[in-house]
Protein backbone atom coordinates (compact mmCIF):
# COMPACT_ATOMS: atom_id res chain seq x y z
CA MET A 1 101.77 129.21 90.99
CA ILE A 2 98.46 129.10 93.11
CA GLY A 3 97.96 128.33 96.71
CA GLU A 4 95.01 127.44 99.28
CA ASN A 5 95.25 130.58 101.42
CA ASN A 6 93.86 130.52 105.13
CA ARG A 7 90.81 132.66 104.29
CA GLY A 8 88.85 129.82 101.96
CA TYR A 9 90.26 131.64 98.79
CA VAL A 10 92.98 130.64 96.36
CA GLU A 11 95.76 132.84 96.18
CA LEU A 12 98.52 133.78 93.01
CA LEU A 13 101.79 132.68 94.32
CA SER A 14 103.81 133.92 90.60
CA SER A 15 103.36 136.60 88.26
CA ASP A 16 101.79 134.61 85.66
CA PRO A 17 99.06 136.65 84.00
CA GLN A 18 96.86 133.56 83.15
CA ALA A 19 97.12 132.12 86.77
CA SER A 20 96.07 135.70 87.92
CA ASP A 21 92.92 135.22 85.82
CA VAL A 22 92.08 131.68 87.31
CA VAL A 23 92.53 133.08 90.62
CA ARG A 24 90.32 135.96 90.10
CA GLU A 25 87.38 133.89 88.73
CA GLU A 26 87.89 131.03 91.24
CA ASN A 27 87.71 133.47 94.10
CA ARG A 28 84.55 135.13 92.54
CA ASP A 29 82.94 132.01 92.44
CA ARG A 30 83.96 131.00 95.81
CA LYS A 31 82.52 134.16 97.57
CA VAL A 32 79.08 133.76 95.22
CA ILE A 33 79.02 130.36 97.74
CA TYR A 34 79.96 131.47 100.71
CA GLN A 35 77.77 134.49 100.63
CA THR A 36 74.66 131.83 99.44
CA ILE A 37 75.70 129.65 102.40
CA ALA A 38 75.56 132.60 104.86
CA GLU A 39 72.25 133.89 103.59
CA GLN A 40 70.47 130.56 103.95
CA ASN A 41 71.88 129.74 107.36
CA GLY A 42 71.16 133.90 108.60
CA ILE A 43 74.91 134.46 109.49
CA ALA A 44 75.39 136.89 106.60
CA SER A 45 77.21 139.10 109.27
CA GLN A 46 79.88 136.09 110.00
CA MET A 47 81.23 135.57 106.46
CA ASP A 48 84.71 135.27 108.16
CA VAL A 49 83.34 131.95 109.95
CA ILE A 50 82.39 130.69 106.89
CA GLU A 51 85.68 131.23 104.89
CA LYS A 52 87.86 129.82 107.66
CA VAL A 53 85.59 126.91 107.79
CA PHE A 54 86.04 126.36 103.97
CA ALA A 55 89.90 127.11 104.21
CA GLN A 56 90.24 124.07 106.63
CA VAL A 57 88.02 122.23 104.47
CA GLN A 58 90.34 122.93 101.26
CA HIS A 59 93.49 122.08 103.28
CA GLU A 60 92.37 118.74 104.05
CA LYS A 61 91.34 118.38 100.51
CA ALA A 62 94.60 119.55 99.16
CA GLN A 63 96.76 117.07 97.48
CA ALA A 64 100.36 116.16 98.34
CA GLY A 65 102.54 118.92 96.82
CA TYR A 66 99.87 121.59 96.88
CA LYS A 67 100.77 125.02 98.48
CA ILE A 68 98.47 126.01 101.81
CA GLN A 69 98.60 128.75 103.93
CA THR A 70 98.92 128.06 107.63
CA ALA A 71 96.65 129.91 110.52
CA ASP A 72 99.54 131.97 110.94
CA GLY A 73 99.97 133.09 107.46
CA ALA A 74 103.13 130.94 106.71
CA TRP A 75 102.85 128.90 103.49
CA MET A 76 103.82 125.28 102.90
CA THR A 77 103.86 122.26 101.01
CA LYS A 78 101.24 119.80 101.79
């Protein structure tokens, strides 16, 4: 129902309303973390870089069977 996209956020892959709430809340939390890191490192204008780095980290941490989005936008099962 939910996958790790290539921008450092989770993405809803179904139409489940409960999953939609989880995605929204998780992405809100991730954005706060990313913004805090950017501000602490004086690179607030480079959020896209931080998001991509965290996307890579999340893809590496994903367990077998998790959905992840590749850099070219395709979805795959790890």
